[in-house]
Amino acid sequence: MKKDYLLLIFFVIAKFILQYSLISPEYELHRDEYLHLDQANHLAWGYLSVPPVNSWLAWLIKLLGGSVFWVKFFPALFGALTLAVVWKIIEELQGSLYAKVLALTGIVLSVLLRINMLFQPTSLEILLWTLMYYMLILYFNSEKVKWLYSAAVVFGIGFLNKYNIAFSVLGLIPAILLTRQRKIFLQPHLYGAALVAVLIMLPNLIWQYKFDFPVVSHMKELSERQLVHVDRFDFFKSQVLFFIGSLLVIIAGFYALLFYKPFEKFRSFFWAYVITMALFVFFRAKDYYAVGLYPVFIAFGAVFLAHIFDKGWKKFLKPVFILIPVLLFLPLYNLAFPNKSPEYIVSHPEKYKKMGLLRWEDGKDHLLPQDFADMQGWKELAQKVDKEYSMLSGSGRTLVLCDNYGQAGAINYYSQKGIKAVSFNADYVNWFDLGKKFDNLIRVKEASTEDNELKETGPYFETSKAADSVVNRFAREKGTTVFSFKGAKIDIRPKIADEINEVKNRY
């Protein structure tokens, strides 16, 4: 047992080291991270785009100083905890030490390295999916109702982290009905556990009701702007690539759930995968929404293969299956992570394009992968806004109004002037402070929307100019312009309030 846990500690340490070494210094935080970090300054039971758990983590990061180290710490921690849960699943399935090493090698050297780079709800979501499946395995083995309540608590927290976890239950319910485990629905404590989950979720549900369920409008907007570009073939291709080194282990897990006698009581997990994937495909979900499904199947497959490899000539396959994820990971290491400079990627685009990594949500190819481009140009923007803000703020109160949440969040994160930028985009629409009159305005406009800004806004101010712009050619925000308006001729707050109401009415 001591040797086993020393190995687990080794994997956890390796996980942290990898996470902190996969981002080249040329890259900054990601667009989405800035929004999630800014939520720490506006704690609530819900937001337009996500539930509240990530804002609590952002608040903790703020208490710890808000450095990049702590921003990256929590997703790395959740990735490490996912490894620990898979380890415990294998123990519950009576798996060997080899099964644990096989499973954890494949999970460490997988898409989780990329997901766990970013401060987003997805890292915790994958951990909670895996933990919930673990609780169900414990229940199926023991039929102790405490595991139903534990699974309900995990689900409730998962719902407060990211609504996507609802798909796990939508997949599990019909899957369990297809197997002998359907007797669980005769267990009164199942409904008691469901009530516990509802009580945990209730504050967010009340918040959603109070604000007319903005999640519905958010999903509609997501469907119209992003999910419409999802190619179903690409969706399945990504599923193969996510855990490419463990593909045979996952397939073995599927086989074992269908035909391996010791796993008969867990057969519903196979059907849960099929049904959940069908739902994702039907709704044109983004490919990474399904990542949380796989760790438990890697655990099943590893236990089964360890049993198969325990006799005869098959013992020689043990090191081969450990080496497969290592060897297959090496080419992905050079492509899937921002560990190469933008200049290198632009001068070597062939492999990136072949893997579809240069295709953005708009369905077009660009210089860098979208996530990489979303990690460029933010400090430059914040510095240029700071410079203009310093010149304007001496003559009165200055509002910094941005086009999107990435701009506003990045300015607020990097600003040395205490700027509280806002936007009509995402949650920032709820964060305006209109208690005082504004004398000046800094308008941050995307390159594609800047054409008439001076003409439209300039007449309301004494002076107006295009002060600066983002020149980083690798940034998704390249060309974003900082407009400066000084000396308001009118009180601009009613116009801002009208725009806020118009945006809110869409929700």
Protein backbone atom coordinates (compact mmCIF):
# COMPACT_ATOMS: atom_id res chain seq x y z
CA MET A 1 0.00 0.00 0.00
CA LYS A 2 2.83 2.38 0.85
CA LYS A 3 4.49 1.72 -2.51
CA ASP A 4 1.17 2.28 -4.27
CA TYR A 5 0.64 5.70 -2.76
CA LEU A 6 4.21 6.77 -3.39
CA LEU A 7 3.49 6.15 -7.06
CA LEU A 8 0.29 8.19 -6.83
CA ILE A 9 2.27 11.05 -5.29
CA PHE A 10 4.76 10.75 -8.16
CA PHE A 11 1.97 11.13 -10.72
CA VAL A 12 0.51 14.11 -8.87
CA ILE A 13 3.89 15.89 -8.73
CA ALA A 14 4.50 15.11 -12.41
CA LYS A 15 1.08 16.56 -13.19
CA PHE A 16 1.85 19.87 -11.47
CA ILE A 17 5.29 20.13 -13.08
CA LEU A 18 3.85 19.55 -16.55
CA GLN A 19 1.04 22.07 -16.07
CA TYR A 20 3.43 24.83 -15.10
CA SER A 21 5.85 24.09 -17.94
CA LEU A 22 3.49 23.86 -20.92
CA ILE A 23 2.93 27.58 -21.51
CA SER A 24 5.66 29.59 -23.18
CA PRO A 25 6.41 33.01 -21.62
CA GLU A 26 5.15 34.73 -24.80
CA TYR A 27 1.58 33.88 -23.80
CA GLU A 28 -0.62 35.68 -21.30
CA LEU A 29 -3.82 34.55 -19.62
CA HIS A 30 -6.72 33.44 -21.79
CA ARG A 31 -9.69 35.68 -22.66
CA ASP A 32 -12.09 33.57 -20.56
CA GLU A 33 -9.80 33.58 -17.53
CA TYR A 34 -10.06 37.35 -17.21
CA LEU A 35 -13.85 37.20 -16.99
CA HIS A 36 -13.79 34.42 -14.40
CA LEU A 37 -11.20 36.29 -12.32
CA ASP A 38 -13.27 39.49 -12.43
CA GLN A 39 -16.27 37.61 -11.05
CA ALA A 40 -14.45 37.61 -7.71
CA ASN A 41 -15.26 41.32 -7.53
CA HIS A 42 -18.98 40.71 -8.12
CA LEU A 43 -19.91 37.62 -6.10
CA ALA A 44 -23.43 36.34 -6.79
CA TRP A 45 -25.39 33.09 -6.98
CA GLY A 46 -25.24 33.14 -10.76
CA TYR A 47 -23.91 34.82 -13.88
CA LEU A 48 -25.12 35.12 -17.42
CA SER A 49 -22.67 32.52 -18.72
CA VAL A 50 -21.78 30.26 -15.77
CA PRO A 51 -22.96 29.25 -12.28
CA PRO A 52 -21.14 30.64 -9.21
CA VAL A 53 -18.50 28.09 -8.08
CA ASN A 54 -15.70 29.46 -10.26
CA SER A 55 -16.28 32.95 -8.84
CA TRP A 56 -15.63 31.56 -5.35
CA LEU A 57 -12.33 30.14 -6.54
CA ALA A 58 -11.53 33.51 -8.17
CA TRP A 59 -12.22 35.19 -4.84
CA LEU A 60 -9.77 32.80 -3.16
CA ILE A 61 -7.17 33.55 -5.85
CA LYS A 62 -7.69 37.25 -5.18
CA LEU A 63 -7.06 36.67 -1.45
CA LEU A 64 -3.85 34.83 -2.35
CA GLY A 65 -2.61 37.82 -4.35
CA GLY A 66 -4.04 37.13 -7.79
CA SER A 67 -0.73 36.08 -9.37
CA VAL A 68 -0.53 33.85 -12.44
CA PHE A 69 0.84 31.08 -10.21
CA TRP A 70 -2.43 30.89 -8.27
CA VAL A 71 -4.55 31.33 -11.39
CA LYS A 72 -2.91 28.20 -12.78
CA PHE A 73 -2.81 26.33 -9.46
CA PHE A 74 -6.47 25.42 -9.12
CA PRO A 75 -7.03 23.82 -12.56
CA ALA A 76 -3.79 21.88 -12.02
CA LEU A 77 -5.06 20.80 -8.59
CA PHE A 78 -8.37 19.58 -10.03
CA GLY A 79 -6.47 17.61 -12.67
CA ALA A 80 -4.32 16.02 -9.95
CA LEU A 81 -7.42 15.17 -7.90
CA THR A 82 -8.95 13.52 -10.97
CA LEU A 83 -5.93 11.22 -11.02
CA ALA A 84 -6.51 10.40 -7.35
CA VAL A 85 -10.19 9.59 -7.96
CA VAL A 86 -9.32 7.27 -10.87
CA TRP A 87 -6.80 5.59 -8.57
CA LYS A 88 -9.55 5.03 -5.99
CA ILE A 89 -11.95 3.72 -8.66
CA ILE A 90 -9.38 1.12 -9.65
CA GLU A 91 -8.93 0.14 -6.00
CA GLU A 92 -12.71 -0.31 -5.70
CA LEU A 93 -12.68 -2.49 -8.83
CA GLN A 94 -9.93 -4.63 -7.24
CA GLY A 95 -7.44 -3.50 -9.85
CA SER A 96 -3.71 -4.11 -9.60
CA LEU A 97 -0.85 -1.63 -9.29
CA TYR A 98 -0.21 -2.10 -13.01
CA ALA A 99 -3.81 -1.06 -13.74
CA LYS A 100 -3.30 2.12 -11.74
CA VAL A 101 -0.06 2.99 -13.54
CA LEU A 102 -1.60 2.25 -16.94
CA ALA A 103 -4.65 4.41 -16.26
CA LEU A 104 -2.81 7.35 -14.74
CA THR A 105 -0.15 7.41 -17.46
CA GLY A 106 -2.86 7.69 -20.08
CA ILE A 107 -4.78 10.38 -18.20
CA VAL A 108 -1.72 12.50 -17.42
CA LEU A 109 -0.62 12.44 -21.07
CA SER A 110 -3.96 13.48 -22.50
CA VAL A 111 -6.15 16.46 -23.33
CA LEU A 112 -6.39 17.15 -19.59
CA LEU A 113 -2.97 18.76 -19.80
CA ARG A 114 -4.47 21.42 -22.05
CA ILE A 115 -7.76 21.77 -20.19
CA ASN A 116 -5.99 22.05 -16.84
CA MET A 117 -3.90 24.96 -18.15
CA LEU A 118 -6.81 27.41 -18.00
CA PHE A 119 -8.79 28.82 -15.09
CA GLN A 120 -12.24 27.79 -16.30
CA PRO A 121 -15.03 25.61 -14.84
CA THR A 122 -14.08 22.67 -17.11
CA SER A 123 -11.26 21.30 -14.94
CA LEU A 124 -13.49 21.04 -11.88
CA GLU A 125 -16.31 19.70 -14.05
CA ILE A 126 -14.22 16.71 -15.20
CA LEU A 127 -13.19 15.99 -11.61
CA LEU A 128 -16.82 16.08 -10.46
CA TRP A 129 -18.07 13.85 -13.32
CA THR A 130 -15.39 11.30 -12.37
CA LEU A 131 -16.16 11.62 -8.66
CA MET A 132 -19.89 11.14 -9.23
CA TYR A 133 -19.24 7.98 -11.25
CA TYR A 134 -16.99 6.77 -8.42
CA MET A 135 -19.82 7.28 -5.93
CA LEU A 136 -22.16 5.22 -8.12
CA ILE A 137 -19.60 2.42 -8.36
CA LEU A 138 -19.34 2.43 -4.57
CA TYR A 139 -23.13 2.23 -4.33
CA PHE A 140 -23.44 -0.58 -6.87
CA ASN A 141 -20.81 -2.54 -4.93
CA SER A 142 -22.20 -1.97 -1.45
CA GLU A 143 -25.77 -0.67 -1.88
CA LYS A 144 -25.07 1.70 1.03
CA VAL A 145 -27.32 4.73 0.65
CA LYS A 146 -24.62 7.12 1.86
CA TRP A 147 -23.08 6.86 -1.60
CA LEU A 148 -26.33 8.00 -3.22
CA TYR A 149 -26.30 11.08 -1.02
CA SER A 150 -22.62 11.63 -1.75
CA ALA A 151 -23.30 11.42 -5.49
CA ALA A 152 -26.14 13.91 -5.06
CA VAL A 153 -23.86 16.37 -3.26
CA VAL A 154 -21.25 16.02 -6.01
CA PHE A 155 -23.92 16.56 -8.67
CA GLY A 156 -25.28 19.62 -6.85
CA ILE A 157 -21.83 21.19 -6.61
CA GLY A 158 -21.22 20.23 -10.24
CA PHE A 159 -24.42 22.01 -11.25
CA LEU A 160 -23.23 25.13 -9.42
CA ASN A 161 -19.97 24.83 -11.34
CA LYS A 162 -21.18 24.13 -14.88
CA TYR A 163 -24.63 23.15 -16.12
CA ASN A 164 -23.08 20.64 -18.52
CA ILE A 165 -23.05 18.04 -15.73
CA ALA A 166 -26.81 17.65 -16.25
CA PHE A 167 -25.96 15.61 -19.37
CA SER A 168 -24.31 13.00 -17.16
CA VAL A 169 -27.58 12.35 -15.34
CA LEU A 170 -29.62 12.53 -18.54
CA GLY A 171 -27.38 9.75 -19.83
CA LEU A 172 -27.41 7.70 -16.62
CA ILE A 173 -31.16 7.52 -15.98
CA PRO A 174 -32.16 5.64 -19.17
CA ALA A 175 -28.91 3.67 -19.06
CA ILE A 176 -29.66 2.31 -15.59
CA LEU A 177 -33.23 1.50 -16.67
CA LEU A 178 -31.73 -0.76 -19.36
CA THR A 179 -29.89 -2.91 -16.81
CA ARG A 180 -30.58 -4.90 -13.65
CA GLN A 181 -29.51 -1.90 -11.62
CA ARG A 182 -32.92 -0.38 -12.42
CA LYS A 183 -33.93 -1.54 -8.95
CA ILE A 184 -32.24 1.63 -7.72
CA PHE A 185 -35.41 3.49 -8.70
CA LEU A 186 -37.28 1.52 -6.00
CA GLN A 187 -34.85 2.83 -3.38
CA PRO A 188 -36.59 5.67 -1.46
CA HIS A 189 -33.24 7.19 -0.56
CA LEU A 190 -32.61 7.88 -4.25
CA TYR A 191 -35.33 10.51 -4.10
CA GLY A 192 -34.02 11.81 -0.81
CA ALA A 193 -30.64 12.20 -2.50
CA ALA A 194 -32.32 13.97 -5.42
CA LEU A 195 -33.87 16.40 -2.93
CA VAL A 196 -30.42 17.09 -1.47
CA ALA A 197 -29.13 17.88 -4.96
CA VAL A 198 -32.07 20.23 -5.59
CA LEU A 199 -31.46 22.05 -2.30
CA ILE A 200 -27.81 22.61 -3.24
CA MET A 201 -28.83 23.86 -6.68
CA LEU A 202 -31.72 25.99 -5.35
CA PRO A 203 -29.88 29.31 -4.78
CA ASN A 204 -28.76 29.32 -8.41
CA LEU A 205 -32.19 28.26 -9.64
CA ILE A 206 -33.74 31.13 -7.68
CA TRP A 207 -31.17 33.49 -9.20
CA GLN A 208 -32.02 32.20 -12.67
CA TYR A 209 -35.74 32.71 -12.00
CA LYS A 210 -35.14 36.22 -10.66
CA PHE A 211 -33.30 37.20 -13.82
CA ASP A 212 -35.67 35.40 -16.22
CA PHE A 213 -33.38 32.42 -16.81
CA PRO A 214 -30.53 34.10 -18.73
CA VAL A 215 -28.95 30.66 -19.20
CA VAL A 216 -31.60 29.97 -21.84
CA SER A 217 -30.66 33.06 -23.83
CA HIS A 218 -26.98 32.29 -23.36
CA MET A 219 -27.45 28.79 -24.76
CA LYS A 220 -29.46 30.17 -27.67
CA GLU A 221 -26.74 32.70 -28.45
CA LEU A 222 -24.07 30.00 -28.11
CA SER A 223 -26.00 27.77 -30.49
CA GLU A 224 -26.44 30.51 -33.09
CA ARG A 225 -22.87 31.86 -32.98
CA GLN A 226 -20.66 28.89 -32.14
CA LEU A 227 -22.37 25.48 -32.04
CA VAL A 228 -23.75 26.00 -35.55
CA HIS A 229 -20.15 25.68 -36.78
CA VAL A 230 -19.58 22.36 -34.96
CA ASP A 231 -18.88 19.59 -37.46
CA ARG A 232 -20.05 16.22 -36.16
CA PHE A 233 -17.21 14.37 -37.87
CA ASP A 234 -14.74 16.70 -36.18
CA PHE A 235 -16.54 16.07 -32.90
CA PHE A 236 -15.86 12.33 -33.12
CA LYS A 237 -12.32 12.87 -34.39
CA SER A 238 -11.63 14.93 -31.29
CA GLN A 239 -12.95 12.17 -29.04
CA VAL A 240 -10.26 9.89 -30.44
CA LEU A 241 -7.54 12.49 -30.01
CA PHE A 242 -8.45 13.54 -26.46
CA PHE A 243 -7.10 10.32 -24.92
CA ILE A 244 -5.28 8.95 -27.96
CA GLY A 245 -2.73 7.11 -25.81
CA SER A 246 -5.51 5.35 -23.90
CA LEU A 247 -7.76 4.60 -26.87
CA LEU A 248 -7.19 0.83 -26.62
CA VAL A 249 -7.75 1.00 -22.87
CA ILE A 250 -11.06 2.81 -23.37
CA ILE A 251 -12.17 0.27 -25.99
CA ALA A 252 -11.18 -2.50 -23.58
CA GLY A 253 -13.31 -0.78 -20.94
CA PHE A 254 -16.33 -0.78 -23.26
CA TYR A 255 -15.78 -4.46 -24.05
CA ALA A 256 -15.36 -5.39 -20.39
CA LEU A 257 -18.56 -3.60 -19.39
CA LEU A 258 -20.46 -5.65 -21.96
CA PHE A 259 -18.81 -9.07 -21.60
CA TYR A 260 -16.56 -9.26 -18.50
CA LYS A 261 -18.54 -11.00 -15.75
CA PRO A 262 -17.07 -9.08 -12.76
CA PHE A 263 -18.22 -5.81 -14.37
CA GLU A 264 -21.78 -6.94 -15.07
CA LYS A 265 -23.22 -4.77 -12.31
CA PHE A 266 -21.60 -1.71 -13.93
CA ARG A 267 -22.98 -2.32 -17.44
CA SER A 268 -25.14 0.81 -17.21
CA PHE A 269 -21.97 2.87 -17.55
CA PHE A 270 -21.58 1.67 -21.13
CA TRP A 271 -25.11 2.67 -22.05
CA ALA A 272 -24.66 5.97 -20.22
CA TYR A 273 -21.75 6.72 -22.53
CA VAL A 274 -23.77 5.87 -25.64
CA ILE A 275 -26.79 7.94 -24.59
CA THR A 276 -24.78 10.92 -23.37
CA MET A 277 -22.76 11.02 -26.58
CA ALA A 278 -25.96 10.82 -28.60
CA LEU A 279 -27.29 13.85 -26.71
CA PHE A 280 -24.08 15.78 -27.32
CA VAL A 281 -24.18 14.99 -31.03
CA PHE A 282 -27.85 15.92 -31.29
CA PHE A 283 -27.28 19.30 -29.65
CA ARG A 284 -24.06 19.90 -31.62
CA ALA A 285 -22.08 20.23 -28.41
CA LYS A 286 -18.48 21.34 -28.42
CA ASP A 287 -16.15 18.37 -28.47
CA TYR A 288 -14.59 19.01 -25.05
CA TYR A 289 -18.00 18.82 -23.33
CA ALA A 290 -17.59 15.02 -23.40
CA VAL A 291 -14.14 14.82 -21.79
CA GLY A 292 -15.58 14.10 -18.34
CA LEU A 293 -16.94 10.78 -19.60
CA TYR A 294 -13.57 9.12 -20.20
CA PRO A 295 -11.56 8.80 -16.95
CA VAL A 296 -13.94 6.20 -15.52
CA PHE A 297 -13.77 4.10 -18.73
CA ILE A 298 -9.99 4.28 -18.64
CA ALA A 299 -10.22 2.87 -15.11
CA PHE A 300 -12.51 0.01 -16.24
CA GLY A 301 -10.27 -0.75 -19.21
CA ALA A 302 -7.07 -0.67 -17.19
CA VAL A 303 -8.43 -3.14 -14.62
CA PHE A 304 -9.62 -5.49 -17.36
CA LEU A 305 -6.37 -5.35 -19.34
CA ALA A 306 -4.30 -5.88 -16.20
CA HIS A 307 -6.29 -9.09 -15.65
CA ILE A 308 -5.80 -10.18 -19.29
CA PHE A 309 -2.06 -9.42 -19.24
CA ASP A 310 -1.47 -11.39 -16.06
CA LYS A 311 -0.95 -14.76 -17.76
CA GLY A 312 1.32 -16.28 -20.39
CA TRP A 313 2.89 -14.35 -23.25
CA LYS A 314 0.49 -11.45 -22.72
CA LYS A 315 2.66 -10.30 -19.84
CA PHE A 316 4.99 -8.85 -22.46
CA LEU A 317 2.22 -6.45 -23.49
CA LYS A 318 2.33 -4.68 -20.15
CA PRO A 319 5.24 -2.33 -20.94
CA VAL A 320 3.93 -1.85 -24.49
CA PHE A 321 0.61 -0.45 -23.24
CA ILE A 322 2.45 1.87 -20.84
CA LEU A 323 4.66 3.14 -23.66
CA ILE A 324 1.79 3.78 -26.11
CA PRO A 325 0.49 6.96 -24.38
CA VAL A 326 4.06 8.21 -23.95
CA LEU A 327 4.97 7.73 -27.62
CA LEU A 328 1.69 9.11 -28.96
CA PHE A 329 1.84 12.09 -26.66
CA LEU A 330 5.18 13.33 -27.98
CA PRO A 331 3.89 14.67 -31.34
CA LEU A 332 0.85 16.20 -29.58
CA TYR A 333 3.21 17.90 -27.14
CA ASN A 334 4.58 19.90 -30.04
CA LEU A 335 1.16 20.92 -31.36
CA ALA A 336 -1.58 21.04 -28.76
CA PHE A 337 0.04 23.35 -26.22
CA PRO A 338 1.21 26.98 -26.33
CA ASN A 339 4.80 25.91 -25.75
CA LYS A 340 5.97 27.18 -29.14
CA SER A 341 6.28 30.87 -29.90
CA PRO A 342 3.71 32.46 -32.22
CA GLU A 343 6.49 33.06 -34.75
CA TYR A 344 7.29 29.34 -34.80
CA ILE A 345 3.65 28.36 -35.36
CA VAL A 346 3.20 30.85 -38.18
CA SER A 347 6.33 29.58 -39.93
CA HIS A 348 5.33 25.90 -39.43
CA PRO A 349 1.55 25.85 -40.00
CA GLU A 350 1.22 22.54 -41.89
CA LYS A 351 0.76 20.16 -38.96
CA TYR A 352 -1.42 22.61 -37.06
CA LYS A 353 -3.69 22.99 -40.07
CA LYS A 354 -3.81 19.24 -40.69
CA MET A 355 -4.97 18.70 -37.11
CA GLY A 356 -7.63 21.39 -37.52
CA LEU A 357 -6.04 23.48 -34.77
CA LEU A 358 -6.02 26.68 -36.82
CA ARG A 359 -9.80 26.61 -37.31
CA TRP A 360 -11.68 28.98 -35.05
CA GLU A 361 -15.31 29.09 -33.98
CA ASP A 362 -16.09 31.10 -37.12
CA GLY A 363 -15.20 28.03 -39.18
CA LYS A 364 -12.14 29.71 -40.78
CA ASP A 365 -8.38 29.08 -40.48
CA HIS A 366 -6.18 31.72 -38.80
CA LEU A 367 -2.51 32.27 -37.94
CA LEU A 368 -2.68 30.66 -34.49
CA PRO A 369 -5.07 28.26 -32.78
CA GLN A 370 -7.91 30.31 -31.33
CA ASP A 371 -7.00 29.60 -27.71
CA PHE A 372 -3.42 30.71 -28.38
CA ALA A 373 -4.55 33.92 -30.10
CA ASP A 374 -6.79 34.55 -27.10
CA MET A 375 -3.60 34.61 -24.97
CA GLN A 376 -1.98 37.46 -26.90
CA GLY A 377 -2.20 41.25 -26.82
CA TRP A 378 -3.95 41.78 -23.48
CA LYS A 379 -1.09 43.44 -21.60
CA GLU A 380 -0.53 45.72 -24.59
CA LEU A 381 -4.19 46.74 -24.54
CA ALA A 382 -4.20 47.35 -20.78
CA GLN A 383 -1.03 49.45 -20.95
CA LYS A 384 -2.42 51.63 -23.73
CA VAL A 385 -5.71 52.13 -21.89
CA ASP A 386 -3.77 52.94 -18.69
CA LYS A 387 -1.78 55.57 -20.56
CA GLU A 388 -4.85 57.30 -21.92
CA TYR A 389 -6.69 56.96 -18.61
CA SER A 390 -3.84 58.76 -16.82
CA MET A 391 -4.18 61.72 -19.16
CA LEU A 392 -7.96 61.91 -18.90
CA SER A 393 -8.54 61.16 -15.23
CA GLY A 394 -6.93 64.41 -14.15
CA SER A 395 -9.85 66.30 -15.68
CA GLY A 396 -12.64 64.26 -14.12
CA ARG A 397 -14.23 60.85 -13.78
CA THR A 398 -13.49 58.53 -16.73
CA LEU A 399 -15.53 55.52 -17.87
CA VAL A 400 -13.73 52.71 -19.68
CA LEU A 401 -16.26 50.93 -21.92
CA CYS A 402 -15.22 47.85 -23.90
CA ASP A 403 -16.73 45.79 -26.68
CA ASN A 404 -16.25 42.38 -25.06
CA TYR A 405 -15.58 40.67 -21.74
CA GLY A 406 -12.01 39.75 -22.66
CA GLN A 407 -11.05 43.40 -23.11
CA ALA A 408 -12.75 44.52 -19.90
CA GLY A 409 -11.39 41.63 -17.82
CA ALA A 410 -7.83 41.98 -19.12
CA ILE A 411 -7.78 45.73 -18.49
CA ASN A 412 -9.04 45.20 -14.94
CA TYR A 413 -6.48 42.46 -14.31
CA TYR A 414 -3.40 44.24 -15.67
CA SER A 415 -4.27 47.88 -15.00
CA GLN A 416 -1.91 49.79 -12.75
CA LYS A 417 -4.42 52.65 -12.41
CA GLY A 418 -7.24 50.83 -10.65
CA ILE A 419 -9.47 50.90 -13.73
CA LYS A 420 -12.84 49.16 -13.49
CA ALA A 421 -13.63 48.65 -17.16
CA VAL A 422 -17.11 47.50 -18.16
CA SER A 423 -18.87 46.25 -21.26
CA PHE A 424 -22.35 45.56 -22.56
CA ASN A 425 -21.05 42.03 -23.19
CA ALA A 426 -21.55 39.02 -20.87
CA ASP A 427 -21.76 39.63 -17.11
CA TYR A 428 -20.28 43.13 -17.35
CA VAL A 429 -23.69 44.44 -18.35
CA ASN A 430 -24.68 43.98 -14.68
CA TRP A 431 -21.57 45.63 -13.29
CA PHE A 432 -21.96 49.27 -14.32
CA ASP A 433 -21.77 51.91 -11.60
CA LEU A 434 -23.87 54.85 -12.76
CA GLY A 435 -23.94 56.57 -9.38
CA LYS A 436 -21.66 59.41 -10.50
CA LYS A 437 -21.49 61.54 -13.62
CA PHE A 438 -18.73 60.79 -16.14
CA ASP A 439 -16.66 63.58 -17.65
CA ASN A 440 -14.63 61.44 -20.01
CA LEU A 441 -14.94 58.18 -21.91
CA ILE A 442 -12.44 55.62 -23.15
CA ARG A 443 -14.09 53.39 -25.71
CA VAL A 444 -12.32 50.12 -26.57
CA LYS A 445 -13.63 48.88 -29.92
CA GLU A 446 -12.92 45.71 -31.88
CA ALA A 447 -11.31 46.28 -35.28
CA SER A 448 -14.45 45.19 -37.13
CA THR A 449 -16.72 47.64 -35.24
CA GLU A 450 -14.67 50.83 -35.00
CA ASP A 451 -15.55 52.57 -38.28
CA ASN A 452 -18.07 55.17 -37.06
CA GLU A 453 -17.08 55.57 -33.42
CA LEU A 454 -15.67 59.10 -33.71
CA LYS A 455 -18.62 60.19 -35.83
CA GLU A 456 -21.25 58.69 -33.52
CA THR A 457 -19.79 59.44 -30.08
CA GLY A 458 -17.56 62.47 -30.78
CA PRO A 459 -20.39 65.09 -30.86
CA TYR A 460 -21.18 64.44 -27.18
CA PHE A 461 -17.65 65.46 -26.08
CA GLU A 462 -15.39 68.49 -26.40
CA THR A 463 -12.55 66.51 -27.95
CA SER A 464 -12.26 63.03 -29.41
CA LYS A 465 -9.54 60.94 -31.01
CA ALA A 466 -8.36 57.41 -31.81
CA ALA A 467 -5.58 57.25 -29.23
CA ASP A 468 -3.97 53.89 -29.94
CA SER A 469 -4.61 50.30 -31.02
CA VAL A 470 -3.41 46.72 -30.50
CA VAL A 471 -0.67 46.00 -33.02
CA ASN A 472 0.25 42.43 -32.01
CA ARG A 473 -0.44 40.56 -35.24
CA PHE A 474 -0.88 37.25 -33.43
CA ALA A 475 -3.61 38.52 -31.10
CA ARG A 476 -7.25 37.82 -31.73
CA GLU A 477 -7.72 41.44 -30.66
CA LYS A 478 -5.33 42.79 -33.32
CA GLY A 479 -6.59 46.16 -34.49
CA THR A 480 -8.70 46.79 -31.40
CA THR A 481 -8.72 50.57 -31.01
CA VAL A 482 -8.64 52.76 -27.91
CA PHE A 483 -10.82 55.84 -28.51
CA SER A 484 -10.52 58.82 -26.18
CA PHE A 485 -13.37 61.25 -25.51
CA LYS A 486 -12.77 64.22 -23.19
CA GLY A 487 -15.18 66.74 -21.68
CA ALA A 488 -18.72 65.40 -21.87
CA LYS A 489 -21.25 67.97 -23.12
CA ILE A 490 -24.14 65.95 -21.67
CA ASP A 491 -24.74 63.44 -18.93
CA ILE A 492 -23.98 60.20 -20.80
CA ARG A 493 -25.49 57.96 -18.14
CA PRO A 494 -29.05 57.89 -19.57
CA LYS A 495 -27.70 56.70 -22.92
CA ILE A 496 -25.66 54.03 -21.16
CA ALA A 497 -28.67 52.99 -19.09
CA ASP A 498 -30.78 52.67 -22.23
CA GLU A 499 -28.15 50.41 -23.81
CA ILE A 500 -27.95 48.30 -20.65
CA ASN A 501 -31.74 47.86 -20.63
CA GLU A 502 -31.75 46.94 -24.30
CA VAL A 503 -29.14 44.23 -23.71
CA LYS A 504 -30.92 42.91 -20.62
CA ASN A 505 -34.22 42.74 -22.48
CA ARG A 506 -32.64 40.18 -24.78
CA TYR A 507 -32.33 37.90 -21.77
